Amino acid sequence: ATSGSIGRISTMGWYRQVPGKQRDRVAT
């Protein structure tokens, strides 16, 4: 959930990270 309505004009995405590794893109 995003505060305000800026999300409507933005690209949203999910990323994931495991300990010791970089954060990777999952989906946008």
PDB file of all heavy atoms in Angstrom:
ATOM      1  N   ALA A   1       0.842  -1.186   0.000  1.00  0.00           N
ATOM      2  CA  ALA A   1       0.000   0.000   0.000  1.00  0.00           C
ATOM      3  C   ALA A   1       0.882   1.242   0.000  1.00  0.00           C
ATOM      4  O   ALA A   1       1.833   1.339   0.779  1.00  0.00           O
ATOM      5  CB  ALA A   1      -0.903   0.003   1.227  1.00  0.00           C
ATOM      6  N   THR A   2       0.564   2.170  -0.884  1.00  0.00           N
ATOM      7  CA  THR A   2       1.350   3.397  -0.985  1.00  0.00           C
ATOM      8  C   THR A   2       0.546   4.574  -0.439  1.00  0.00           C
ATOM      9  O   THR A   2      -0.679   4.613  -0.566  1.00  0.00           O
ATOM     10  CB  THR A   2       1.736   3.690  -2.438  1.00  0.00           C
ATOM     11  OG1 THR A   2       0.545   3.968  -3.185  1.00  0.00           O
ATOM     12  CG2 THR A   2       2.435   2.515  -3.068  1.00  0.00           C
ATOM     13  N   SER A   3       1.247   5.502   0.190  1.00  0.00           N
ATOM     14  CA  SER A   3       0.594   6.705   0.685  1.00  0.00           C
ATOM     15  C   SER A   3       0.442   7.692  -0.465  1.00  0.00           C
ATOM     16  O   SER A   3       1.326   7.830  -1.296  1.00  0.00           O
ATOM     17  CB  SER A   3       1.428   7.348   1.799  1.00  0.00           C
ATOM     18  OG  SER A   3       2.709   7.712   1.316  1.00  0.00           O
ATOM     19  N   GLY A   4      -0.706   8.308  -0.556  1.00  0.00           N
ATOM     20  CA  GLY A   4      -0.931   9.248  -1.630  1.00  0.00           C
ATOM     21  C   GLY A   4      -1.197   8.540  -2.949  1.00  0.00           C
ATOM     22  O   GLY A   4      -1.353   7.323  -3.007  1.00  0.00           O
ATOM     23  N   SER A   5      -1.219   9.323  -3.999  1.00  0.00           N
ATOM     24  CA  SER A   5      -1.589   8.782  -5.308  1.00  0.00           C
ATOM     25  C   SER A   5      -0.428   8.754  -6.294  1.00  0.00           C
ATOM     26  O   SER A   5      -0.622   8.488  -7.469  1.00  0.00           O
ATOM     27  CB  SER A   5      -2.734   9.612  -5.897  1.00  0.00           C
ATOM     28  OG  SER A   5      -2.323  10.968  -6.045  1.00  0.00           O
ATOM     29  N   ILE A   6       0.790   9.016  -5.814  1.00  0.00           N
ATOM     30  CA  ILE A   6       1.925   9.038  -6.734  1.00  0.00           C
ATOM     31  C   ILE A   6       2.144   7.691  -7.396  1.00  0.00           C
ATOM     32  O   ILE A   6       2.624   7.588  -8.526  1.00  0.00           O
ATOM     33  CB  ILE A   6       3.217   9.499  -6.017  1.00  0.00           C
ATOM     34  CG1 ILE A   6       4.357   9.717  -7.035  1.00  0.00           C
ATOM     35  CG2 ILE A   6       3.635   8.493  -4.948  1.00  0.00           C
ATOM     36  CD1 ILE A   6       5.604  10.294  -6.449  1.00  0.00           C
ATOM     37  N   GLY A   7       1.727   6.628  -6.690  1.00  0.00           N
ATOM     38  CA  GLY A   7       1.920   5.300  -7.256  1.00  0.00           C
ATOM     39  C   GLY A   7       1.206   5.109  -8.580  1.00  0.00           C
ATOM     40  O   GLY A   7       1.621   4.308  -9.412  1.00  0.00           O
ATOM     41  N   ARG A   8       0.130   5.868  -8.764  1.00  0.00           N
ATOM     42  CA  ARG A   8      -0.659   5.710  -9.985  1.00  0.00           C
ATOM     43  C   ARG A   8       0.120   6.125 -11.234  1.00  0.00           C
ATOM     44  O   ARG A   8      -0.186   5.670 -12.335  1.00  0.00           O
ATOM     45  CB  ARG A   8      -1.940   6.540  -9.880  1.00  0.00           C
ATOM     46  CG  ARG A   8      -2.807   6.178  -8.700  1.00  0.00           C
ATOM     47  CD  ARG A   8      -4.044   7.043  -8.632  1.00  0.00           C
ATOM     48  NE  ARG A   8      -4.821   6.788  -7.419  1.00  0.00           N
ATOM     49  CZ  ARG A   8      -5.944   7.399  -7.124  1.00  0.00           C
ATOM     50  NH1 ARG A   8      -6.448   8.306  -7.959  1.00  0.00           N
ATOM     51  NH2 ARG A   8      -6.572   7.130  -6.000  1.00  0.00           N
ATOM     52  N   ILE A   9       1.097   6.996 -11.069  1.00  0.00           N
ATOM     53  CA  ILE A   9       1.863   7.467 -12.220  1.00  0.00           C
ATOM     54  C   ILE A   9       3.269   6.907 -12.208  1.00  0.00           C
ATOM     55  O   ILE A   9       4.135   7.382 -12.924  1.00  0.00           O
ATOM     56  CB  ILE A   9       1.920   9.005 -12.246  1.00  0.00           C
ATOM     57  CG1 ILE A   9       2.578   9.559 -10.971  1.00  0.00           C
ATOM     58  CG2 ILE A   9       0.529   9.587 -12.431  1.00  0.00           C
ATOM     59  CD1 ILE A   9       2.843  11.046 -11.038  1.00  0.00           C
ATOM     60  N   SER A  10       3.481   5.890 -11.398  1.00  0.00           N
ATOM     61  CA  SER A  10       4.824   5.347 -11.201  1.00  0.00           C
ATOM     62  C   SER A  10       4.898   3.897 -11.624  1.00  0.00           C
ATOM     63  O   SER A  10       3.883   3.194 -11.661  1.00  0.00           O
ATOM     64  CB  SER A  10       5.219   5.446  -9.725  1.00  0.00           C
ATOM     65  OG  SER A  10       5.095   6.767  -9.255  1.00  0.00           O
ATOM     66  N   THR A  11       6.107   3.465 -11.904  1.00  0.00           N
ATOM     67  CA  THR A  11       6.357   2.041 -12.061  1.00  0.00           C
ATOM     68  C   THR A  11       6.539   1.446 -10.667  1.00  0.00           C
ATOM     69  O   THR A  11       7.288   1.973  -9.850  1.00  0.00           O
ATOM     70  CB  THR A  11       7.614   1.797 -12.906  1.00  0.00           C
ATOM     71  OG1 THR A  11       7.354   2.218 -14.245  1.00  0.00           O
ATOM     72  CG2 THR A  11       7.997   0.330 -12.914  1.00  0.00           C
ATOM     73  N   MET A  12       5.819   0.402 -10.406  1.00  0.00           N
ATOM     74  CA  MET A  12       5.905  -0.289  -9.127  1.00  0.00           C
ATOM     75  C   MET A  12       6.574  -1.638  -9.343  1.00  0.00           C
ATOM     76  O   MET A  12       6.444  -2.228 -10.423  1.00  0.00           O
ATOM     77  CB  MET A  12       4.519  -0.498  -8.521  1.00  0.00           C
ATOM     78  CG  MET A  12       3.727   0.767  -8.323  1.00  0.00           C
ATOM     79  SD  MET A  12       4.411   1.813  -7.037  1.00  0.00           S
ATOM     80  CE  MET A  12       4.273   0.765  -5.606  1.00  0.00           C
ATOM     81  N   GLY A  13       7.232  -2.120  -8.319  1.00  0.00           N
ATOM     82  CA  GLY A  13       7.916  -3.392  -8.490  1.00  0.00           C
ATOM     83  C   GLY A  13       8.107  -4.129  -7.181  1.00  0.00           C
ATOM     84  O   GLY A  13       7.935  -3.562  -6.098  1.00  0.00           O
ATOM     85  N   TRP A  14       8.415  -5.392  -7.324  1.00  0.00           N
ATOM     86  CA  TRP A  14       8.791  -6.241  -6.191  1.00  0.00           C
ATOM     87  C   TRP A  14      10.212  -6.742  -6.413  1.00  0.00           C
ATOM     88  O   TRP A  14      10.563  -7.172  -7.513  1.00  0.00           O
ATOM     89  CB  TRP A  14       7.841  -7.428  -6.058  1.00  0.00           C
ATOM     90  CG  TRP A  14       6.485  -7.047  -5.568  1.00  0.00           C
ATOM     91  CD1 TRP A  14       5.376  -6.798  -6.311  1.00  0.00           C
ATOM     92  CD2 TRP A  14       6.092  -6.868  -4.200  1.00  0.00           C
ATOM     93  NE1 TRP A  14       4.309  -6.465  -5.502  1.00  0.00           N
ATOM     94  CE2 TRP A  14       4.732  -6.510  -4.197  1.00  0.00           C
ATOM     95  CE3 TRP A  14       6.752  -6.976  -2.978  1.00  0.00           C
ATOM     96  CZ2 TRP A  14       4.016  -6.256  -3.032  1.00  0.00           C
ATOM     97  CZ3 TRP A  14       6.045  -6.732  -1.806  1.00  0.00           C
ATOM     98  CH2 TRP A  14       4.706  -6.372  -1.840  1.00  0.00           C
ATOM     99  N   TYR A  15      10.999  -6.659  -5.364  1.00  0.00           N
ATOM    100  CA  TYR A  15      12.370  -7.139  -5.368  1.00  0.00           C
ATOM    101  C   TYR A  15      12.531  -8.092  -4.188  1.00  0.00           C
ATOM    102  O   TYR A  15      11.718  -8.078  -3.256  1.00  0.00           O
ATOM    103  CB  TYR A  15      13.345  -5.954  -5.220  1.00  0.00           C
ATOM    104  CG  TYR A  15      13.401  -5.048  -6.417  1.00  0.00           C
ATOM    105  CD1 TYR A  15      12.319  -4.242  -6.755  1.00  0.00           C
ATOM    106  CD2 TYR A  15      14.520  -4.996  -7.224  1.00  0.00           C
ATOM    107  CE1 TYR A  15      12.355  -3.404  -7.860  1.00  0.00           C
ATOM    108  CE2 TYR A  15      14.583  -4.148  -8.335  1.00  0.00           C
ATOM    109  CZ  TYR A  15      13.486  -3.368  -8.635  1.00  0.00           C
ATOM    110  OH  TYR A  15      13.536  -2.545  -9.736  1.00  0.00           O
ATOM    111  N   ARG A  16      13.575  -8.897  -4.225  1.00  0.00           N
ATOM    112  CA  ARG A  16      13.823  -9.782  -3.102  1.00  0.00           C
ATOM    113  C   ARG A  16      15.305  -9.874  -2.808  1.00  0.00           C
ATOM    114  O   ARG A  16      16.143  -9.678  -3.696  1.00  0.00           O
ATOM    115  CB  ARG A  16      13.224 -11.176  -3.341  1.00  0.00           C
ATOM    116  CG  ARG A  16      13.820 -11.953  -4.512  1.00  0.00           C
ATOM    117  CD  ARG A  16      12.999 -13.212  -4.757  1.00  0.00           C
ATOM    118  NE  ARG A  16      13.530 -14.006  -5.878  1.00  0.00           N
ATOM    119  CZ  ARG A  16      12.913 -15.065  -6.385  1.00  0.00           C
ATOM    120  NH1 ARG A  16      11.758 -15.462  -5.880  1.00  0.00           N
ATOM    121  NH2 ARG A  16      13.463 -15.719  -7.387  1.00  0.00           N
ATOM    122  N   GLN A  17      15.593 -10.191  -1.559  1.00  0.00           N
ATOM    123  CA  GLN A  17      16.981 -10.234  -1.111  1.00  0.00           C
ATOM    124  C   GLN A  17      17.157 -11.324  -0.069  1.00  0.00           C
ATOM    125  O   GLN A  17      16.336 -11.455   0.843  1.00  0.00           O
ATOM    126  CB  GLN A  17      17.380  -8.882  -0.525  1.00  0.00           C
ATOM    127  CG  GLN A  17      18.849  -8.746  -0.185  1.00  0.00           C
ATOM    128  CD  GLN A  17      19.216  -7.325   0.191  1.00  0.00           C
ATOM    129  OE1 GLN A  17      18.380  -6.534   0.620  1.00  0.00           O
ATOM    130  NE2 GLN A  17      20.475  -6.962   0.007  1.00  0.00           N
ATOM    131  N   VAL A  18      18.222 -12.094  -0.231  1.00  0.00           N
ATOM    132  CA  VAL A  18      18.615 -13.084   0.761  1.00  0.00           C
ATOM    133  C   VAL A  18      19.891 -12.581   1.424  1.00  0.00           C
ATOM    134  O   VAL A  18      20.650 -11.817   0.822  1.00  0.00           O
ATOM    135  CB  VAL A  18      18.811 -14.484   0.159  1.00  0.00           C
ATOM    136  CG1 VAL A  18      17.498 -14.988  -0.434  1.00  0.00           C
ATOM    137  CG2 VAL A  18      19.895 -14.475  -0.907  1.00  0.00           C
ATOM    138  N   PRO A  19      20.163 -13.003   2.652  1.00  0.00           N
ATOM    139  CA  PRO A  19      21.351 -12.508   3.368  1.00  0.00           C
ATOM    140  C   PRO A  19      22.639 -12.723   2.568  1.00  0.00           C
ATOM    141  O   PRO A  19      22.861 -13.806   2.017  1.00  0.00           O
ATOM    142  CB  PRO A  19      21.344 -13.325   4.653  1.00  0.00           C
ATOM    143  CG  PRO A  19      19.920 -13.664   4.875  1.00  0.00           C
ATOM    144  CD  PRO A  19      19.347 -13.880   3.509  1.00  0.00           C
ATOM    145  N   GLY A  20      23.440 -11.693   2.495  1.00  0.00           N
ATOM    146  CA  GLY A  20      24.722 -11.789   1.828  1.00  0.00           C
ATOM    147  C   GLY A  20      24.676 -11.601   0.325  1.00  0.00           C
ATOM    148  O   GLY A  20      25.721 -11.668  -0.333  1.00  0.00           O
ATOM    149  N   LYS A  21      23.490 -11.373  -0.208  1.00  0.00           N
ATOM    150  CA  LYS A  21      23.364 -11.201  -1.654  1.00  0.00           C
ATOM    151  C   LYS A  21      22.696  -9.872  -1.971  1.00  0.00           C
ATOM    152  O   LYS A  21      22.080  -9.247  -1.122  1.00  0.00           O
ATOM    153  CB  LYS A  21      22.580 -12.357  -2.265  1.00  0.00           C
ATOM    154  CG  LYS A  21      23.300 -13.699  -2.168  1.00  0.00           C
ATOM    155  CD  LYS A  21      22.617 -14.754  -3.001  1.00  0.00           C
ATOM    156  CE  LYS A  21      23.379 -16.071  -2.970  1.00  0.00           C
ATOM    157  NZ  LYS A  21      22.729 -17.117  -3.825  1.00  0.00           N
ATOM    158  N   GLN A  22      22.801  -9.458  -3.225  1.00  0.00           N
ATOM    159  CA  GLN A  22      22.197  -8.203  -3.630  1.00  0.00           C
ATOM    160  C   GLN A  22      20.696  -8.347  -3.757  1.00  0.00           C
ATOM    161  O   GLN A  22      20.163  -9.447  -3.835  1.00  0.00           O
ATOM    162  CB  GLN A  22      22.784  -7.742  -4.964  1.00  0.00           C
ATOM    163  CG  GLN A  22      22.421  -8.622  -6.144  1.00  0.00           C
ATOM    164  CD  GLN A  22      23.023  -8.134  -7.454  1.00  0.00           C
ATOM    165  OE1 GLN A  22      23.975  -7.369  -7.469  1.00  0.00           O
ATOM    166  NE2 GLN A  22      22.459  -8.572  -8.561  1.00  0.00           N
ATOM    167  N   ARG A  23      20.033  -7.218  -3.752  1.00  0.00           N
ATOM    168  CA  ARG A  23      18.592  -7.194  -3.935  1.00  0.00           C
ATOM    169  C   ARG A  23      18.291  -7.330  -5.426  1.00  0.00           C
ATOM    170  O   ARG A  23      18.797  -6.566  -6.239  1.00  0.00           O
ATOM    171  CB  ARG A  23      18.029  -5.888  -3.385  1.00  0.00           C
ATOM    172  CG  ARG A  23      16.529  -5.821  -3.304  1.00  0.00           C
ATOM    173  CD  ARG A  23      16.082  -4.559  -2.602  1.00  0.00           C
ATOM    174  NE  ARG A  23      16.552  -4.523  -1.216  1.00  0.00           N
ATOM    175  CZ  ARG A  23      16.238  -3.548  -0.357  1.00  0.00           C
ATOM    176  NH1 ARG A  23      15.462  -2.543  -0.743  1.00  0.00           N
ATOM    177  NH2 ARG A  23      16.712  -3.576   0.879  1.00  0.00           N
ATOM    178  N   ASP A  24      17.460  -8.295  -5.769  1.00  0.00           N
ATOM    179  CA  ASP A  24      17.166  -8.586  -7.167  1.00  0.00           C
ATOM    180  C   ASP A  24      15.722  -8.251  -7.521  1.00  0.00           C
ATOM    181  O   ASP A  24      14.810  -8.448  -6.706  1.00  0.00           O
ATOM    182  CB  ASP A  24      17.415 -10.078  -7.468  1.00  0.00           C
ATOM    183  CG  ASP A  24      18.887 -10.448  -7.380  1.00  0.00           C
ATOM    184  OD1 ASP A  24      19.734  -9.616  -7.744  1.00  0.00           O
ATOM    185  OD2 ASP A  24      19.166 -11.581  -6.947  1.00  0.00           O
ATOM    186  N   ARG A  25      15.548  -7.814  -8.743  1.00  0.00           N
ATOM    187  CA  ARG A  25      14.201  -7.546  -9.242  1.00  0.00           C
ATOM    188  C   ARG A  25      13.437  -8.842  -9.451  1.00  0.00           C
ATOM    189  O   ARG A  25      13.972  -9.813  -9.979  1.00  0.00           O
ATOM    190  CB  ARG A  25      14.283  -6.774 -10.557  1.00  0.00           C
ATOM    191  CG  ARG A  25      12.937  -6.452 -11.195  1.00  0.00           C
ATOM    192  CD  ARG A  25      13.164  -5.728 -12.538  1.00  0.00           C
ATOM    193  NE  ARG A  25      13.895  -6.581 -13.466  1.00  0.00           N
ATOM    194  CZ  ARG A  25      13.335  -7.505 -14.240  1.00  0.00           C
ATOM    195  NH1 ARG A  25      12.038  -7.721 -14.189  1.00  0.00           N
ATOM    196  NH2 ARG A  25      14.068  -8.216 -15.070  1.00  0.00           N
ATOM    197  N   VAL A  26      12.182  -8.851  -9.057  1.00  0.00           N
ATOM    198  CA  VAL A  26      11.298 -10.001  -9.277  1.00  0.00           C
ATOM    199  C   VAL A  26      10.288  -9.683 -10.370  1.00  0.00           C
ATOM    200  O   VAL A  26      10.125 -10.443 -11.326  1.00  0.00           O
ATOM    201  CB  VAL A  26      10.569 -10.389  -7.982  1.00  0.00           C
ATOM    202  CG1 VAL A  26       9.565 -11.513  -8.240  1.00  0.00           C
ATOM    203  CG2 VAL A  26      11.551 -10.783  -6.894  1.00  0.00           C
ATOM    204  N   ALA A  27       9.595  -8.563 -10.231  1.00  0.00           N
ATOM    205  CA  ALA A  27       8.558  -8.189 -11.195  1.00  0.00           C
ATOM    206  C   ALA A  27       8.308  -6.697 -11.095  1.00  0.00           C
ATOM    207  O   ALA A  27       8.447  -6.109 -10.018  1.00  0.00           O
ATOM    208  CB  ALA A  27       7.262  -8.959 -10.915  1.00  0.00           C
ATOM    209  N   THR A  28       7.931  -6.105 -12.224  1.00  0.00           N
ATOM    210  CA  THR A  28       7.569  -4.692 -12.254  1.00  0.00           C
ATOM    211  C   THR A  28       6.301  -4.505 -13.068  1.00  0.00           C
ATOM    212  O   THR A  28       5.970  -5.336 -13.923  1.00  0.00           O
ATOM    213  CB  THR A  28       8.686  -3.828 -12.855  1.00  0.00           C
ATOM    214  OG1 THR A  28       8.982  -4.278 -14.176  1.00  0.00           O
ATOM    215  CG2 THR A  28       9.950  -3.867 -12.005  1.00  0.00           C
TER     216      THR A  28
END
